Amino acid sequence: MARYSQAGHVVTMAHVANGNLGHVEILPEELRRIRREEARQAGKELGAREVVSLDMPDLGVDSNNQDLVRATVDLIRRVQPDLIITHAPNDYMKDHVETSRLVFDASFSASVPHFETPSGGAAKITPIYYMDTVAGINFLPTEYVDVSTVIERKLAALERHVSQIKWLRDHDGIDFSEFVRTVSRFRGLQCGVAYAEGFTVCQTWPRLSAQRLLP
């Protein structure tokens, strides 16, 4: 995302779950507000034009929820993205897996003119790229993006999520920033640069492109 914004592209970040259950001490409604602001700050760090929340409660993301499908379709129609990056279908928890399926279904539904949403109209069927799983488990990239020049911006954006990162560091002994740096270094080792991110492309018709869409 930082690479895209550096190159002058418009970046929109969207969060499906609102993070309201992701803390032991902070109560859900307060945490929901905190996480929304943290996400906005992280997006600003990366140069995103807009950070959108679909405001689903944690563990409540359901790709069959028609209200959520319509909200996602409406977002896609409004933004008209050239590509969408989302979770891998085999990521480690339900909300991520359901989001992956939601994006796949909604990005097709967005192309159907008579599927009505407030933004109206229709969008093209958008290419989808799946991001790395947590710790890179069971994920073999087919595409790499060199993030060596923006790795510190990536980690600075991550640190904006104070309610998650500080808690993990102080209470669970997990330095998630170092975790992410290590995975980025490993992906860089695979493709011959200092730091990289790995992706796979959703290989279904008509989502494939002869052009390189990743930076």
C-alpha atoms as a PDB file:
ATOM      1  CA  MET A   1       0.000   0.000   0.000  1.00  0.00           C
ATOM      2  CA  ALA A   2       2.863   2.370   0.779  1.00  0.00           C
ATOM      3  CA  ARG A   3       4.423   1.539  -2.588  1.00  0.00           C
ATOM      4  CA  TYR A   4       1.146   2.295  -4.354  1.00  0.00           C
ATOM      5  CA  SER A   5       0.664   5.615  -2.558  1.00  0.00           C
ATOM      6  CA  GLN A   6       4.274   6.602  -3.279  1.00  0.00           C
ATOM      7  CA  ALA A   7       3.610   6.029  -6.982  1.00  0.00           C
ATOM      8  CA  GLY A   8       0.565   8.293  -6.903  1.00  0.00           C
ATOM      9  CA  HIS A   9      -2.149   5.635  -6.874  1.00  0.00           C
ATOM     10  CA  VAL A  10      -5.297   5.971  -4.753  1.00  0.00           C
ATOM     11  CA  VAL A  11      -5.372   3.467  -1.883  1.00  0.00           C
ATOM     12  CA  THR A  12      -8.534   2.563   0.013  1.00  0.00           C
ATOM     13  CA  MET A  13      -8.266   0.359   3.096  1.00  0.00           C
ATOM     14  CA  ALA A  14     -11.313  -1.560   4.299  1.00  0.00           C
ATOM     15  CA  HIS A  15     -11.759  -3.479   7.542  1.00  0.00           C
ATOM     16  CA  VAL A  16     -14.638  -5.923   7.842  1.00  0.00           C
ATOM     17  CA  ALA A  17     -14.365  -6.811  11.554  1.00  0.00           C
ATOM     18  CA  ASN A  18     -14.207  -3.910  14.002  1.00  0.00           C
ATOM     19  CA  GLY A  19     -11.820  -5.492  16.544  1.00  0.00           C
ATOM     20  CA  ASN A  20     -14.222  -5.130  19.471  1.00  0.00           C
ATOM     21  CA  LEU A  21     -13.331  -8.452  21.148  1.00  0.00           C
ATOM     22  CA  GLY A  22      -9.557  -8.247  20.777  1.00  0.00           C
ATOM     23  CA  HIS A  23      -8.597  -7.324  24.334  1.00  0.00           C
ATOM     24  CA  VAL A  24      -8.821  -8.833  27.798  1.00  0.00           C
ATOM     25  CA  GLU A  25      -9.312  -5.606  29.759  1.00  0.00           C
ATOM     26  CA  ILE A  26     -10.834  -3.019  27.377  1.00  0.00           C
ATOM     27  CA  LEU A  27     -14.580  -3.520  26.971  1.00  0.00           C
ATOM     28  CA  PRO A  28     -15.962  -4.129  23.453  1.00  0.00           C
ATOM     29  CA  GLU A  29     -17.663  -0.795  22.716  1.00  0.00           C
ATOM     30  CA  GLU A  30     -14.681   1.253  23.895  1.00  0.00           C
ATOM     31  CA  LEU A  31     -12.298  -1.033  22.015  1.00  0.00           C
ATOM     32  CA  ARG A  32     -14.387  -0.682  18.856  1.00  0.00           C
ATOM     33  CA  ARG A  33     -13.878   3.091  18.984  1.00  0.00           C
ATOM     34  CA  ILE A  34     -10.166   2.740  19.751  1.00  0.00           C
ATOM     35  CA  ARG A  35      -9.559   0.267  16.925  1.00  0.00           C
ATOM     36  CA  ARG A  36     -11.344   2.499  14.398  1.00  0.00           C
ATOM     37  CA  GLU A  37      -9.042   5.415  15.233  1.00  0.00           C
ATOM     38  CA  GLU A  38      -5.945   3.197  15.252  1.00  0.00           C
ATOM     39  CA  ALA A  39      -6.880   1.902  11.796  1.00  0.00           C
ATOM     40  CA  ARG A  40      -7.318   5.461  10.551  1.00  0.00           C
ATOM     41  CA  GLN A  41      -3.887   6.431  11.854  1.00  0.00           C
ATOM     42  CA  ALA A  42      -2.282   3.336  10.306  1.00  0.00           C
ATOM     43  CA  GLY A  43      -3.892   4.126   6.967  1.00  0.00           C
ATOM     44  CA  LYS A  44      -2.598   7.683   7.146  1.00  0.00           C
ATOM     45  CA  GLU A  45       0.911   6.336   7.787  1.00  0.00           C
ATOM     46  CA  LEU A  46       0.713   4.323   4.567  1.00  0.00           C
ATOM     47  CA  GLY A  47      -0.781   7.110   2.484  1.00  0.00           C
ATOM     48  CA  ALA A  48      -4.297   5.682   2.136  1.00  0.00           C
ATOM     49  CA  ARG A  49      -6.917   8.131   0.915  1.00  0.00           C
ATOM     50  CA  GLU A  50      -9.662   6.457   2.916  1.00  0.00           C
ATOM     51  CA  VAL A  51     -10.022   3.889   5.693  1.00  0.00           C
ATOM     52  CA  VAL A  52     -13.425   2.221   5.775  1.00  0.00           C
ATOM     53  CA  SER A  53     -14.944   0.000   8.461  1.00  0.00           C
ATOM     54  CA  LEU A  54     -17.820  -2.351   7.649  1.00  0.00           C
ATOM     55  CA  ASP A  55     -18.180  -2.570  11.436  1.00  0.00           C
ATOM     56  CA  MET A  56     -18.897  -6.263  11.943  1.00  0.00           C
ATOM     57  CA  PRO A  57     -18.212  -7.551  15.485  1.00  0.00           C
ATOM     58  CA  ASP A  58     -15.238  -9.850  15.953  1.00  0.00           C
ATOM     59  CA  LEU A  59     -16.063 -13.509  15.258  1.00  0.00           C
ATOM     60  CA  GLY A  60     -19.245 -12.338  13.534  1.00  0.00           C
ATOM     61  CA  VAL A  61     -18.030 -12.073   9.942  1.00  0.00           C
ATOM     62  CA  ASP A  62     -20.273 -14.251   7.777  1.00  0.00           C
ATOM     63  CA  SER A  63     -19.854 -14.315   4.007  1.00  0.00           C
ATOM     64  CA  ASN A  64     -23.522 -15.413   3.732  1.00  0.00           C
ATOM     65  CA  ASN A  65     -24.799 -12.329   5.560  1.00  0.00           C
ATOM     66  CA  GLN A  66     -26.660 -10.511   2.769  1.00  0.00           C
ATOM     67  CA  ASP A  67     -26.469  -7.121   4.483  1.00  0.00           C
ATOM     68  CA  LEU A  68     -22.692  -7.499   4.714  1.00  0.00           C
ATOM     69  CA  VAL A  69     -22.487  -8.714   1.109  1.00  0.00           C
ATOM     70  CA  ARG A  70     -24.441  -5.659  -0.072  1.00  0.00           C
ATOM     71  CA  ALA A  71     -22.256  -3.313   1.986  1.00  0.00           C
ATOM     72  CA  THR A  72     -19.140  -4.870   0.443  1.00  0.00           C
ATOM     73  CA  VAL A  73     -20.613  -4.737  -3.062  1.00  0.00           C
ATOM     74  CA  ASP A  74     -21.523  -1.081  -2.539  1.00  0.00           C
ATOM     75  CA  LEU A  75     -17.989  -0.278  -1.404  1.00  0.00           C
ATOM     76  CA  ILE A  76     -16.493  -1.991  -4.459  1.00  0.00           C
ATOM     77  CA  ARG A  77     -18.856  -0.117  -6.770  1.00  0.00           C
ATOM     78  CA  ARG A  78     -18.049   3.210  -5.141  1.00  0.00           C
ATOM     79  CA  VAL A  79     -14.272   2.724  -5.176  1.00  0.00           C
ATOM     80  CA  GLN A  80     -14.045   0.878  -8.546  1.00  0.00           C
ATOM     81  CA  PRO A  81     -10.703  -0.752  -7.623  1.00  0.00           C
ATOM     82  CA  ASP A  82      -8.170  -1.986 -10.190  1.00  0.00           C
ATOM     83  CA  LEU A  83      -7.390  -4.840  -7.814  1.00  0.00           C
ATOM     84  CA  ILE A  84      -8.294  -6.040  -4.338  1.00  0.00           C
ATOM     85  CA  ILE A  85      -5.874  -7.495  -1.788  1.00  0.00           C
ATOM     86  CA  THR A  86      -7.465  -9.646   0.889  1.00  0.00           C
ATOM     87  CA  HIS A  87      -6.856 -12.570   3.239  1.00  0.00           C
ATOM     88  CA  ALA A  88      -5.793 -15.962   1.969  1.00  0.00           C
ATOM     89  CA  PRO A  89      -8.630 -18.523   1.986  1.00  0.00           C
ATOM     90  CA  ASN A  90      -6.668 -20.697   4.431  1.00  0.00           C
ATOM     91  CA  ASP A  91      -5.672 -18.054   6.999  1.00  0.00           C
ATOM     92  CA  TYR A  92      -5.663 -18.846  10.683  1.00  0.00           C
ATOM     93  CA  MET A  93      -9.064 -17.676  11.964  1.00  0.00           C
ATOM     94  CA  LYS A  94     -12.719 -17.483  10.992  1.00  0.00           C
ATOM     95  CA  ASP A  95     -13.039 -13.746  10.343  1.00  0.00           C
ATOM     96  CA  HIS A  96     -10.105 -13.799   7.918  1.00  0.00           C
ATOM     97  CA  VAL A  97     -11.389 -16.873   6.071  1.00  0.00           C
ATOM     98  CA  GLU A  98     -14.924 -15.464   5.848  1.00  0.00           C
ATOM     99  CA  THR A  99     -13.575 -12.117   4.630  1.00  0.00           C
ATOM    100  CA  SER A 100     -11.686 -13.897   1.869  1.00  0.00           C
ATOM    101  CA  ARG A 101     -14.867 -15.610   0.724  1.00  0.00           C
ATOM    102  CA  LEU A 102     -16.901 -12.420   1.139  1.00  0.00           C
ATOM    103  CA  VAL A 103     -14.545 -10.460  -1.124  1.00  0.00           C
ATOM    104  CA  PHE A 104     -14.589 -13.188  -3.775  1.00  0.00           C
ATOM    105  CA  ASP A 105     -18.398 -13.329  -3.856  1.00  0.00           C
ATOM    106  CA  ALA A 106     -19.032  -9.591  -3.502  1.00  0.00           C
ATOM    107  CA  SER A 107     -16.557  -8.639  -6.203  1.00  0.00           C
ATOM    108  CA  PHE A 108     -18.510 -10.819  -8.635  1.00  0.00           C
ATOM    109  CA  SER A 109     -21.893  -9.596  -7.394  1.00  0.00           C
ATOM    110  CA  ALA A 110     -20.701  -6.019  -7.924  1.00  0.00           C
ATOM    111  CA  SER A 111     -20.665  -6.730 -11.670  1.00  0.00           C
ATOM    112  CA  VAL A 112     -24.354  -7.729 -11.760  1.00  0.00           C
ATOM    113  CA  PRO A 113     -26.392  -4.597 -12.646  1.00  0.00           C
ATOM    114  CA  HIS A 114     -29.672  -5.758 -11.098  1.00  0.00           C
ATOM    115  CA  PHE A 115     -28.073  -6.547  -7.725  1.00  0.00           C
ATOM    116  CA  GLU A 116     -29.111  -3.251  -6.191  1.00  0.00           C
ATOM    117  CA  THR A 117     -27.014  -1.218  -3.745  1.00  0.00           C
ATOM    118  CA  PRO A 118     -27.022   2.501  -2.870  1.00  0.00           C
ATOM    119  CA  SER A 119     -24.125   3.307  -5.206  1.00  0.00           C
ATOM    120  CA  GLY A 120     -25.985   1.693  -8.086  1.00  0.00           C
ATOM    121  CA  GLY A 121     -24.449   0.724 -11.383  1.00  0.00           C
ATOM    122  CA  ALA A 122     -21.971  -2.098 -11.755  1.00  0.00           C
ATOM    123  CA  ALA A 123     -18.239  -2.638 -11.454  1.00  0.00           C
ATOM    124  CA  LYS A 124     -15.948  -4.834 -13.490  1.00  0.00           C
ATOM    125  CA  ILE A 125     -15.004  -8.178 -11.964  1.00  0.00           C
ATOM    126  CA  THR A 126     -11.902  -7.189 -10.051  1.00  0.00           C
ATOM    127  CA  PRO A 127      -8.631  -9.144  -9.892  1.00  0.00           C
ATOM    128  CA  ILE A 128      -7.946 -10.439  -6.375  1.00  0.00           C
ATOM    129  CA  TYR A 129      -4.588 -11.009  -4.734  1.00  0.00           C
ATOM    130  CA  TYR A 130      -4.291 -12.992  -1.507  1.00  0.00           C
ATOM    131  CA  MET A 131      -1.829 -11.738   1.088  1.00  0.00           C
ATOM    132  CA  ASP A 132       0.486 -13.901   3.168  1.00  0.00           C
ATOM    133  CA  THR A 133      -0.921 -15.942   6.031  1.00  0.00           C
ATOM    134  CA  VAL A 134       0.225 -15.208   9.576  1.00  0.00           C
ATOM    135  CA  ALA A 135       3.761 -16.611   9.891  1.00  0.00           C
ATOM    136  CA  GLY A 136       3.591 -17.638   6.224  1.00  0.00           C
ATOM    137  CA  ILE A 137       2.227 -21.061   7.158  1.00  0.00           C
ATOM    138  CA  ASN A 138       1.042 -23.150   4.198  1.00  0.00           C
ATOM    139  CA  PHE A 139       1.476 -20.175   1.851  1.00  0.00           C
ATOM    140  CA  LEU A 140       3.700 -20.345  -1.229  1.00  0.00           C
ATOM    141  CA  PRO A 141       3.857 -16.960  -2.982  1.00  0.00           C
ATOM    142  CA  THR A 142       3.580 -16.733  -6.735  1.00  0.00           C
ATOM    143  CA  GLU A 143       4.161 -12.956  -6.732  1.00  0.00           C
ATOM    144  CA  TYR A 144       6.539 -10.811  -4.693  1.00  0.00           C
ATOM    145  CA  VAL A 145       6.673  -7.084  -3.996  1.00  0.00           C
ATOM    146  CA  ASP A 146       9.940  -5.501  -2.882  1.00  0.00           C
ATOM    147  CA  VAL A 147       9.133  -3.452   0.246  1.00  0.00           C
ATOM    148  CA  SER A 148      12.737  -2.726   1.237  1.00  0.00           C
ATOM    149  CA  THR A 149      12.307   1.038   0.826  1.00  0.00           C
ATOM    150  CA  VAL A 150       9.070   1.155   2.844  1.00  0.00           C
ATOM    151  CA  ILE A 151       9.624  -1.491   5.544  1.00  0.00           C
ATOM    152  CA  GLU A 152       9.964   1.149   8.268  1.00  0.00           C
ATOM    153  CA  ARG A 153       6.712   2.792   7.154  1.00  0.00           C
ATOM    154  CA  LYS A 154       5.046  -0.608   7.270  1.00  0.00           C
ATOM    155  CA  LEU A 155       6.218  -1.180  10.829  1.00  0.00           C
ATOM    156  CA  ALA A 156       5.303   2.386  11.843  1.00  0.00           C
ATOM    157  CA  ALA A 157       1.767   1.764  10.567  1.00  0.00           C
ATOM    158  CA  LEU A 158       1.655  -1.496  12.502  1.00  0.00           C
ATOM    159  CA  GLU A 159       2.699   0.312  15.684  1.00  0.00           C
ATOM    160  CA  ARG A 160      -0.297   2.625  15.320  1.00  0.00           C
ATOM    161  CA  HIS A 161      -2.407  -0.335  16.445  1.00  0.00           C
ATOM    162  CA  VAL A 162      -1.386   0.318  20.036  1.00  0.00           C
ATOM    163  CA  SER A 163      -4.217  -1.620  21.678  1.00  0.00           C
ATOM    164  CA  GLN A 164      -3.033  -4.763  19.895  1.00  0.00           C
ATOM    165  CA  ILE A 165       0.726  -4.372  19.526  1.00  0.00           C
ATOM    166  CA  LYS A 166       1.481  -3.015  23.000  1.00  0.00           C
ATOM    167  CA  TRP A 167      -0.782  -5.586  24.650  1.00  0.00           C
ATOM    168  CA  LEU A 168       0.861  -8.490  22.817  1.00  0.00           C
ATOM    169  CA  ARG A 169       4.298  -7.153  23.699  1.00  0.00           C
ATOM    170  CA  ASP A 170       3.615  -6.382  27.361  1.00  0.00           C
ATOM    171  CA  HIS A 171       1.307  -9.243  28.316  1.00  0.00           C
ATOM    172  CA  ASP A 172       2.017 -12.113  25.921  1.00  0.00           C
ATOM    173  CA  GLY A 173       5.691 -11.501  25.219  1.00  0.00           C
ATOM    174  CA  ILE A 174       5.021 -11.359  21.468  1.00  0.00           C
ATOM    175  CA  ASP A 175       6.811  -8.594  19.566  1.00  0.00           C
ATOM    176  CA  PHE A 176       4.526  -8.551  16.543  1.00  0.00           C
ATOM    177  CA  SER A 177       6.542  -5.825  14.810  1.00  0.00           C
ATOM    178  CA  GLU A 178       9.614  -8.030  14.909  1.00  0.00           C
ATOM    179  CA  PHE A 179       7.415 -10.936  13.848  1.00  0.00           C
ATOM    180  CA  VAL A 180       6.347  -9.018  10.723  1.00  0.00           C
ATOM    181  CA  ARG A 181       9.901  -7.822  10.012  1.00  0.00           C
ATOM    182  CA  THR A 182      11.148 -11.414  10.169  1.00  0.00           C
ATOM    183  CA  VAL A 183       8.510 -12.694   7.729  1.00  0.00           C
ATOM    184  CA  SER A 184       9.268  -9.786   5.371  1.00  0.00           C
ATOM    185  CA  ARG A 185      12.968 -10.579   5.559  1.00  0.00           C
ATOM    186  CA  PHE A 186      12.280 -14.253   4.807  1.00  0.00           C
ATOM    187  CA  ARG A 187      10.132 -13.382   1.778  1.00  0.00           C
ATOM    188  CA  GLY A 188      12.905 -11.036   0.662  1.00  0.00           C
ATOM    189  CA  LEU A 189      15.401 -13.882   0.919  1.00  0.00           C
ATOM    190  CA  GLN A 190      13.208 -15.944  -1.393  1.00  0.00           C
ATOM    191  CA  CYS A 191      13.178 -13.324  -4.151  1.00  0.00           C
ATOM    192  CA  GLY A 192      16.601 -11.711  -3.715  1.00  0.00           C
ATOM    193  CA  VAL A 193      15.838  -8.416  -1.956  1.00  0.00           C
ATOM    194  CA  ALA A 194      16.149  -7.187   1.628  1.00  0.00           C
ATOM    195  CA  TYR A 195      12.411  -7.230   2.451  1.00  0.00           C
ATOM    196  CA  ALA A 196       9.421  -8.421   0.455  1.00  0.00           C
ATOM    197  CA  GLU A 197       5.757  -9.325   0.693  1.00  0.00           C
ATOM    198  CA  GLY A 198       4.385 -12.475  -0.887  1.00  0.00           C
ATOM    199  CA  PHE A 199       1.064 -12.861  -2.694  1.00  0.00           C
ATOM    200  CA  THR A 200      -0.905 -15.357  -4.732  1.00  0.00           C
ATOM    201  CA  VAL A 201      -3.375 -14.394  -7.438  1.00  0.00           C
ATOM    202  CA  CYS A 202      -6.964 -15.623  -7.529  1.00  0.00           C
ATOM    203  CA  GLN A 203      -6.954 -17.723 -10.683  1.00  0.00           C
ATOM    204  CA  THR A 204     -10.532 -17.593 -11.918  1.00  0.00           C
ATOM    205  CA  TRP A 205     -11.981 -16.148 -15.098  1.00  0.00           C
ATOM    206  CA  PRO A 206     -12.179 -13.237 -15.824  1.00  0.00           C
ATOM    207  CA  ARG A 207      -9.960 -11.932 -13.027  1.00  0.00           C
ATOM    208  CA  LEU A 208      -6.577 -12.653 -14.586  1.00  0.00           C
ATOM    209  CA  SER A 209      -4.674  -9.854 -16.319  1.00  0.00           C
ATOM    210  CA  ALA A 210      -1.764  -9.785 -18.747  1.00  0.00           C
ATOM    211  CA  GLN A 211      -0.542  -6.681 -16.933  1.00  0.00           C
ATOM    212  CA  ARG A 212       1.387  -6.642 -13.684  1.00  0.00           C
ATOM    213  CA  LEU A 213      -0.927  -5.009 -11.171  1.00  0.00           C
ATOM    214  CA  LEU A 214       1.247  -5.266  -8.057  1.00  0.00           C
ATOM    215  CA  PRO A 215       3.859  -2.493  -7.667  1.00  0.00           C
END
